[in-house]
Amino acid sequence: MRTENNMSEHTNQSDSNSDAKFLGWQKTKSGETVALYNVTASGHPSCGSTVSEKSLQQMNLQIPEIPPLKHQ
């Protein structure tokens, strides 16, 4: 997944009650903005992978709270 020049408001927010860490926002080719996360659930097959919120939901992982997207 290409991220250069597409990430905005990059932060390293972590929620100890979640299974992932928020990385930042990425704009897709269609213009949609999606949140990206690193899976941090110990022992999970996707641990260390960068995924979307939809992927976290499909894997039944807890999603951390994220800051609101600041429109540019």
PDB file of N, CA and C in Angstrom:
ATOM      1  N   MET A   1       0.847  -1.171   0.000  1.00  0.00           N
ATOM      2  CA  MET A   1       0.000   0.000   0.000  1.00  0.00           C
ATOM      3  C   MET A   1       0.892   1.233   0.000  1.00  0.00           C
ATOM      4  N   ARG A   2       0.717   2.118  -0.957  1.00  0.00           N
ATOM      5  CA  ARG A   2       1.501   3.336  -1.049  1.00  0.00           C
ATOM      6  C   ARG A   2       1.006   4.359  -0.050  1.00  0.00           C
ATOM      7  N   THR A   3       1.922   4.954   0.687  1.00  0.00           N
ATOM      8  CA  THR A   3       1.488   5.921   1.686  1.00  0.00           C
ATOM      9  C   THR A   3       2.132   7.281   1.524  1.00  0.00           C
ATOM     10  N   GLU A   4       3.264   7.414   0.813  1.00  0.00           N
ATOM     11  CA  GLU A   4       3.911   8.714   0.742  1.00  0.00           C
ATOM     12  C   GLU A   4       2.990   9.742   0.111  1.00  0.00           C
ATOM     13  N   ASN A   5       3.019  10.933   0.645  1.00  0.00           N
ATOM     14  CA  ASN A   5       2.208  12.064   0.196  1.00  0.00           C
ATOM     15  C   ASN A   5       0.706  11.848   0.369  1.00  0.00           C
ATOM     16  N   ASN A   6       0.276  10.725   0.872  1.00  0.00           N
ATOM     17  CA  ASN A   6      -1.144  10.487   1.079  1.00  0.00           C
ATOM     18  C   ASN A   6      -1.515  10.519   2.557  1.00  0.00           C
ATOM     19  N   MET A   7      -0.547  10.469   3.443  1.00  0.00           N
ATOM     20  CA  MET A   7      -0.829  10.458   4.868  1.00  0.00           C
ATOM     21  C   MET A   7      -0.948  11.897   5.367  1.00  0.00           C
ATOM     22  N   SER A   8      -1.929  12.138   6.221  1.00  0.00           N
ATOM     23  CA  SER A   8      -2.050  13.444   6.851  1.00  0.00           C
ATOM     24  C   SER A   8      -2.324  13.247   8.323  1.00  0.00           C
ATOM     25  N   GLU A   9      -1.904  14.225   9.112  1.00  0.00           N
ATOM     26  CA  GLU A   9      -2.120  14.154  10.557  1.00  0.00           C
ATOM     27  C   GLU A   9      -1.603  12.846  11.130  1.00  0.00           C
ATOM     28  N   HIS A  10      -0.384  12.477  10.777  1.00  0.00           N
ATOM     29  CA  HIS A  10       0.212  11.227  11.265  1.00  0.00           C
ATOM     30  C   HIS A  10       0.412  11.319  12.773  1.00  0.00           C
ATOM     31  N   THR A  11      -0.152  10.354  13.482  1.00  0.00           N
ATOM     32  CA  THR A  11       0.001  10.328  14.930  1.00  0.00           C
ATOM     33  C   THR A  11       0.280   8.907  15.361  1.00  0.00           C
ATOM     34  N   ASN A  12       0.704   8.757  16.587  1.00  0.00           N
ATOM     35  CA  ASN A  12       0.957   7.433  17.136  1.00  0.00           C
ATOM     36  C   ASN A  12       0.102   7.241  18.372  1.00  0.00           C
ATOM     37  N   GLN A  13      -1.183   7.375  18.216  1.00  0.00           N
ATOM     38  CA  GLN A  13      -2.081   7.206  19.344  1.00  0.00           C
ATOM     39  C   GLN A  13      -2.282   5.725  19.619  1.00  0.00           C
ATOM     40  N   SER A  14      -2.232   5.369  20.873  1.00  0.00           N
ATOM     41  CA  SER A  14      -2.398   3.981  21.250  1.00  0.00           C
ATOM     42  C   SER A  14      -3.426   3.881  22.360  1.00  0.00           C
ATOM     43  N   ASP A  15      -4.206   2.858  22.323  1.00  0.00           N
ATOM     44  CA  ASP A  15      -5.222   2.615  23.340  1.00  0.00           C
ATOM     45  C   ASP A  15      -4.934   1.237  23.916  1.00  0.00           C
ATOM     46  N   SER A  16      -4.599   1.165  25.182  1.00  0.00           N
ATOM     47  CA  SER A  16      -4.209  -0.106  25.788  1.00  0.00           C
ATOM     48  C   SER A  16      -5.344  -1.127  25.774  1.00  0.00           C
ATOM     49  N   ASN A  17      -6.591  -0.687  25.559  1.00  0.00           N
ATOM     50  CA  ASN A  17      -7.718  -1.611  25.506  1.00  0.00           C
ATOM     51  C   ASN A  17      -8.012  -2.087  24.087  1.00  0.00           C
ATOM     52  N   SER A  18      -7.196  -1.696  23.136  1.00  0.00           N
ATOM     53  CA  SER A  18      -7.471  -2.069  21.754  1.00  0.00           C
ATOM     54  C   SER A  18      -6.459  -3.108  21.270  1.00  0.00           C
ATOM     55  N   ASP A  19      -6.737  -3.637  20.112  1.00  0.00           N
ATOM     56  CA  ASP A  19      -5.869  -4.636  19.498  1.00  0.00           C
ATOM     57  C   ASP A  19      -5.060  -4.042  18.356  1.00  0.00           C
ATOM     58  N   ALA A  20      -5.089  -2.703  18.251  1.00  0.00           N
ATOM     59  CA  ALA A  20      -4.391  -2.035  17.156  1.00  0.00           C
ATOM     60  C   ALA A  20      -3.961  -0.643  17.586  1.00  0.00           C
ATOM     61  N   LYS A  21      -3.047  -0.064  16.813  1.00  0.00           N
ATOM     62  CA  LYS A  21      -2.555   1.284  17.054  1.00  0.00           C
ATOM     63  C   LYS A  21      -2.850   2.131  15.824  1.00  0.00           C
ATOM     64  N   PHE A  22      -3.484   3.278  16.027  1.00  0.00           N
ATOM     65  CA  PHE A  22      -3.806   4.183  14.930  1.00  0.00           C
ATOM     66  C   PHE A  22      -2.522   4.781  14.369  1.00  0.00           C
ATOM     67  N   LEU A  23      -2.386   4.726  13.030  1.00  0.00           N
ATOM     68  CA  LEU A  23      -1.205   5.271  12.371  1.00  0.00           C
ATOM     69  C   LEU A  23      -1.450   6.637  11.759  1.00  0.00           C
ATOM     70  N   GLY A  24      -2.584   6.802  11.105  1.00  0.00           N
ATOM     71  CA  GLY A  24      -2.876   8.051  10.424  1.00  0.00           C
ATOM     72  C   GLY A  24      -3.951   7.845   9.379  1.00  0.00           C
ATOM     73  N   TRP A  25      -4.114   8.866   8.553  1.00  0.00           N
ATOM     74  CA  TRP A  25      -5.152   8.849   7.528  1.00  0.00           C
ATOM     75  C   TRP A  25      -4.525   8.675   6.157  1.00  0.00           C
ATOM     76  N   GLN A  26      -5.209   7.984   5.264  1.00  0.00           N
ATOM     77  CA  GLN A  26      -4.743   7.835   3.888  1.00  0.00           C
ATOM     78  C   GLN A  26      -5.886   8.113   2.934  1.00  0.00           C
ATOM     79  N   LYS A  27      -5.584   8.878   1.905  1.00  0.00           N
ATOM     80  CA  LYS A  27      -6.571   9.169   0.878  1.00  0.00           C
ATOM     81  C   LYS A  27      -6.447   8.098  -0.206  1.00  0.00           C
ATOM     82  N   THR A  28      -7.579   7.527  -0.581  1.00  0.00           N
ATOM     83  CA  THR A  28      -7.585   6.512  -1.628  1.00  0.00           C
ATOM     84  C   THR A  28      -7.649   7.182  -2.998  1.00  0.00           C
ATOM     85  N   LYS A  29      -7.467   6.387  -4.045  1.00  0.00           N
ATOM     86  CA  LYS A  29      -7.544   6.927  -5.403  1.00  0.00           C
ATOM     87  C   LYS A  29      -8.917   7.519  -5.692  1.00  0.00           C
ATOM     88  N   SER A  30      -9.949   6.991  -5.057  1.00  0.00           N
ATOM     89  CA  SER A  30     -11.306   7.501  -5.273  1.00  0.00           C
ATOM     90  C   SER A  30     -11.579   8.790  -4.490  1.00  0.00           C
ATOM     91  N   GLY A  31     -10.614   9.199  -3.646  1.00  0.00           N
ATOM     92  CA  GLY A  31     -10.774  10.420  -2.873  1.00  0.00           C
ATOM     93  C   GLY A  31     -11.283  10.203  -1.459  1.00  0.00           C
ATOM     94  N   GLU A  32     -11.637   8.974  -1.128  1.00  0.00           N
ATOM     95  CA  GLU A  32     -12.100   8.648   0.222  1.00  0.00           C
ATOM     96  C   GLU A  32     -10.906   8.673   1.180  1.00  0.00           C
ATOM     97  N   THR A  33     -11.119   9.098   2.417  1.00  0.00           N
ATOM     98  CA  THR A  33     -10.077   9.093   3.433  1.00  0.00           C
ATOM     99  C   THR A  33     -10.365   7.961   4.408  1.00  0.00           C
ATOM    100  N   VAL A  34      -9.363   7.096   4.627  1.00  0.00           N
ATOM    101  CA  VAL A  34      -9.538   5.962   5.527  1.00  0.00           C
ATOM    102  C   VAL A  34      -8.474   5.994   6.620  1.00  0.00           C
ATOM    103  N   ALA A  35      -8.856   5.507   7.787  1.00  0.00           N
ATOM    104  CA  ALA A  35      -7.920   5.395   8.902  1.00  0.00           C
ATOM    105  C   ALA A  35      -7.106   4.122   8.736  1.00  0.00           C
ATOM    106  N   LEU A  36      -5.814   4.204   9.050  1.00  0.00           N
ATOM    107  CA  LEU A  36      -4.937   3.030   8.987  1.00  0.00           C
ATOM    108  C   LEU A  36      -4.444   2.691  10.386  1.00  0.00           C
ATOM    109  N   TYR A  37      -4.299   1.398  10.641  1.00  0.00           N
ATOM    110  CA  TYR A  37      -3.904   0.882  11.950  1.00  0.00           C
ATOM    111  C   TYR A  37      -2.844  -0.197  11.800  1.00  0.00           C
ATOM    112  N   ASN A  38      -2.005  -0.357  12.817  1.00  0.00           N
ATOM    113  CA  ASN A  38      -1.128  -1.518  12.921  1.00  0.00           C
ATOM    114  C   ASN A  38      -1.763  -2.471  13.928  1.00  0.00           C
ATOM    115  N   VAL A  39      -1.874  -3.719  13.555  1.00  0.00           N
ATOM    116  CA  VAL A  39      -2.416  -4.731  14.461  1.00  0.00           C
ATOM    117  C   VAL A  39      -1.358  -5.013  15.526  1.00  0.00           C
ATOM    118  N   THR A  40      -1.758  -4.923  16.799  1.00  0.00           N
ATOM    119  CA  THR A  40      -0.840  -5.125  17.921  1.00  0.00           C
ATOM    120  C   THR A  40      -1.258  -6.298  18.805  1.00  0.00           C
ATOM    121  N   ALA A  41      -2.314  -7.008  18.428  1.00  0.00           N
ATOM    122  CA  ALA A  41      -2.811  -8.122  19.236  1.00  0.00           C
ATOM    123  C   ALA A  41      -1.776  -9.242  19.249  1.00  0.00           C
ATOM    124  N   SER A  42      -1.189  -9.467  20.402  1.00  0.00           N
ATOM    125  CA  SER A  42      -0.152 -10.486  20.551  1.00  0.00           C
ATOM    126  C   SER A  42      -0.678 -11.859  20.149  1.00  0.00           C
ATOM    127  N   GLY A  43       0.069 -12.545  19.315  1.00  0.00           N
ATOM    128  CA  GLY A  43      -0.314 -13.881  18.890  1.00  0.00           C
ATOM    129  C   GLY A  43      -1.289 -13.921  17.724  1.00  0.00           C
ATOM    130  N   HIS A  44      -1.815 -12.771  17.315  1.00  0.00           N
ATOM    131  CA  HIS A  44      -2.747 -12.740  16.187  1.00  0.00           C
ATOM    132  C   HIS A  44      -1.967 -12.929  14.887  1.00  0.00           C
ATOM    133  N   PRO A  45      -2.487 -13.697  13.931  1.00  0.00           N
ATOM    134  CA  PRO A  45      -1.770 -13.922  12.666  1.00  0.00           C
ATOM    135  C   PRO A  45      -1.440 -12.643  11.903  1.00  0.00           C
ATOM    136  N   SER A  46      -2.201 -11.570  12.132  1.00  0.00           N
ATOM    137  CA  SER A  46      -1.954 -10.317  11.431  1.00  0.00           C
ATOM    138  C   SER A  46      -1.164  -9.307  12.264  1.00  0.00           C
ATOM    139  N   CYS A  47      -0.636  -9.732  13.410  1.00  0.00           N
ATOM    140  CA  CYS A  47       0.124  -8.832  14.274  1.00  0.00           C
ATOM    141  C   CYS A  47       1.265  -8.215  13.468  1.00  0.00           C
ATOM    142  N   GLY A  48       1.357  -6.884  13.517  1.00  0.00           N
ATOM    143  CA  GLY A  48       2.382  -6.161  12.780  1.00  0.00           C
ATOM    144  C   GLY A  48       1.922  -5.657  11.422  1.00  0.00           C
ATOM    145  N   SER A  49       0.766  -6.117  10.971  1.00  0.00           N
ATOM    146  CA  SER A  49       0.244  -5.703   9.670  1.00  0.00           C
ATOM    147  C   SER A  49      -0.460  -4.360   9.767  1.00  0.00           C
ATOM    148  N   THR A  50      -0.432  -3.607   8.673  1.00  0.00           N
ATOM    149  CA  THR A  50      -1.158  -2.349   8.571  1.00  0.00           C
ATOM    150  C   THR A  50      -2.468  -2.615   7.853  1.00  0.00           C
ATOM    151  N   VAL A  51      -3.584  -2.221   8.499  1.00  0.00           N
ATOM    152  CA  VAL A  51      -4.912  -2.542   7.976  1.00  0.00           C
ATOM    153  C   VAL A  51      -5.864  -1.367   8.156  1.00  0.00           C
ATOM    154  N   SER A  52      -7.019  -1.472   7.529  1.00  0.00           N
ATOM    155  CA  SER A  52      -8.079  -0.471   7.673  1.00  0.00           C
ATOM    156  C   SER A  52      -8.986  -0.840   8.845  1.00  0.00           C
ATOM    157  N   GLU A  53      -9.878   0.090   9.195  1.00  0.00           N
ATOM    158  CA  GLU A  53     -10.858  -0.192  10.251  1.00  0.00           C
ATOM    159  C   GLU A  53     -11.765  -1.351   9.843  1.00  0.00           C
ATOM    160  N   LYS A  54     -12.136  -1.394   8.566  1.00  0.00           N
ATOM    161  CA  LYS A  54     -12.983  -2.478   8.072  1.00  0.00           C
ATOM    162  C   LYS A  54     -12.310  -3.835   8.297  1.00  0.00           C
ATOM    163  N   SER A  55     -11.003  -3.902   8.053  1.00  0.00           N
ATOM    164  CA  SER A  55     -10.276  -5.155   8.276  1.00  0.00           C
ATOM    165  C   SER A  55     -10.262  -5.530   9.748  1.00  0.00           C
ATOM    166  N   LEU A  56     -10.069  -4.533  10.632  1.00  0.00           N
ATOM    167  CA  LEU A  56     -10.094  -4.814  12.075  1.00  0.00           C
ATOM    168  C   LEU A  56     -11.452  -5.381  12.479  1.00  0.00           C
ATOM    169  N   GLN A  57     -12.520  -4.799  11.940  1.00  0.00           N
ATOM    170  CA  GLN A  57     -13.862  -5.291  12.244  1.00  0.00           C
ATOM    171  C   GLN A  57     -14.040  -6.720  11.753  1.00  0.00           C
ATOM    172  N   GLN A  58     -13.570  -7.009  10.550  1.00  0.00           N
ATOM    173  CA  GLN A  58     -13.704  -8.356   9.988  1.00  0.00           C
ATOM    174  C   GLN A  58     -12.917  -9.385  10.796  1.00  0.00           C
ATOM    175  N   MET A  59     -11.821  -8.943  11.421  1.00  0.00           N
ATOM    176  CA  MET A  59     -11.000  -9.842  12.237  1.00  0.00           C
ATOM    177  C   MET A  59     -11.473  -9.880  13.691  1.00  0.00           C
ATOM    178  N   ASN A  60     -12.566  -9.164  13.989  1.00  0.00           N
ATOM    179  CA  ASN A  60     -13.114  -9.086  15.355  1.00  0.00           C
ATOM    180  C   ASN A  60     -12.092  -8.569  16.361  1.00  0.00           C
ATOM    181  N   LEU A  61     -11.311  -7.559  15.951  1.00  0.00           N
ATOM    182  CA  LEU A  61     -10.331  -6.946  16.836  1.00  0.00           C
ATOM    183  C   LEU A  61     -10.868  -5.615  17.347  1.00  0.00           C
ATOM    184  N   GLN A  62     -10.454  -5.246  18.562  1.00  0.00           N
ATOM    185  CA  GLN A  62     -10.890  -3.980  19.156  1.00  0.00           C
ATOM    186  C   GLN A  62     -10.203  -2.826  18.439  1.00  0.00           C
ATOM    187  N   ILE A  63     -10.978  -1.785  18.158  1.00  0.00           N
ATOM    188  CA  ILE A  63     -10.499  -0.628  17.418  1.00  0.00           C
ATOM    189  C   ILE A  63     -10.253   0.522  18.396  1.00  0.00           C
ATOM    190  N   PRO A  64      -9.059   1.137  18.338  1.00  0.00           N
ATOM    191  CA  PRO A  64      -8.789   2.247  19.256  1.00  0.00           C
ATOM    192  C   PRO A  64      -9.541   3.503  18.857  1.00  0.00           C
ATOM    193  N   GLU A  65      -9.735   4.399  19.817  1.00  0.00           N
ATOM    194  CA  GLU A  65     -10.306   5.707  19.504  1.00  0.00           C
ATOM    195  C   GLU A  65      -9.282   6.471  18.691  1.00  0.00           C
ATOM    196  N   ILE A  66      -9.775   7.277  17.769  1.00  0.00           N
ATOM    197  CA  ILE A  66      -8.872   8.040  16.912  1.00  0.00           C
ATOM    198  C   ILE A  66      -9.258   9.517  16.920  1.00  0.00           C
ATOM    199  N   PRO A  67      -8.297  10.378  16.631  1.00  0.00           N
ATOM    200  CA  PRO A  67      -8.619  11.802  16.587  1.00  0.00           C
ATOM    201  C   PRO A  67      -9.463  12.095  15.361  1.00  0.00           C
ATOM    202  N   PRO A  68     -10.254  13.161  15.406  1.00  0.00           N
ATOM    203  CA  PRO A  68     -11.046  13.508  14.234  1.00  0.00           C
ATOM    204  C   PRO A  68     -10.142  13.894  13.072  1.00  0.00           C
ATOM    205  N   LEU A  69     -10.595  13.646  11.878  1.00  0.00           N
ATOM    206  CA  LEU A  69      -9.862  14.009  10.677  1.00  0.00           C
ATOM    207  C   LEU A  69      -9.951  15.513  10.486  1.00  0.00           C
ATOM    208  N   LYS A  70      -8.813  16.157  10.335  1.00  0.00           N
ATOM    209  CA  LYS A  70      -8.785  17.599  10.072  1.00  0.00           C
ATOM    210  C   LYS A  70      -8.748  17.784   8.576  1.00  0.00           C
ATOM    211  N   HIS A  71      -9.754  18.443   8.048  1.00  0.00           N
ATOM    212  CA  HIS A  71      -9.836  18.648   6.602  1.00  0.00           C
ATOM    213  C   HIS A  71      -8.826  19.703   6.185  1.00  0.00           C
ATOM    214  N   GLN A  72      -8.168  19.432   5.066  1.00  0.00           N
ATOM    215  CA  GLN A  72      -7.150  20.355   4.577  1.00  0.00           C
ATOM    216  C   GLN A  72      -7.643  21.096   3.385  1.00  0.00           C
TER     217      GLN A  72
END
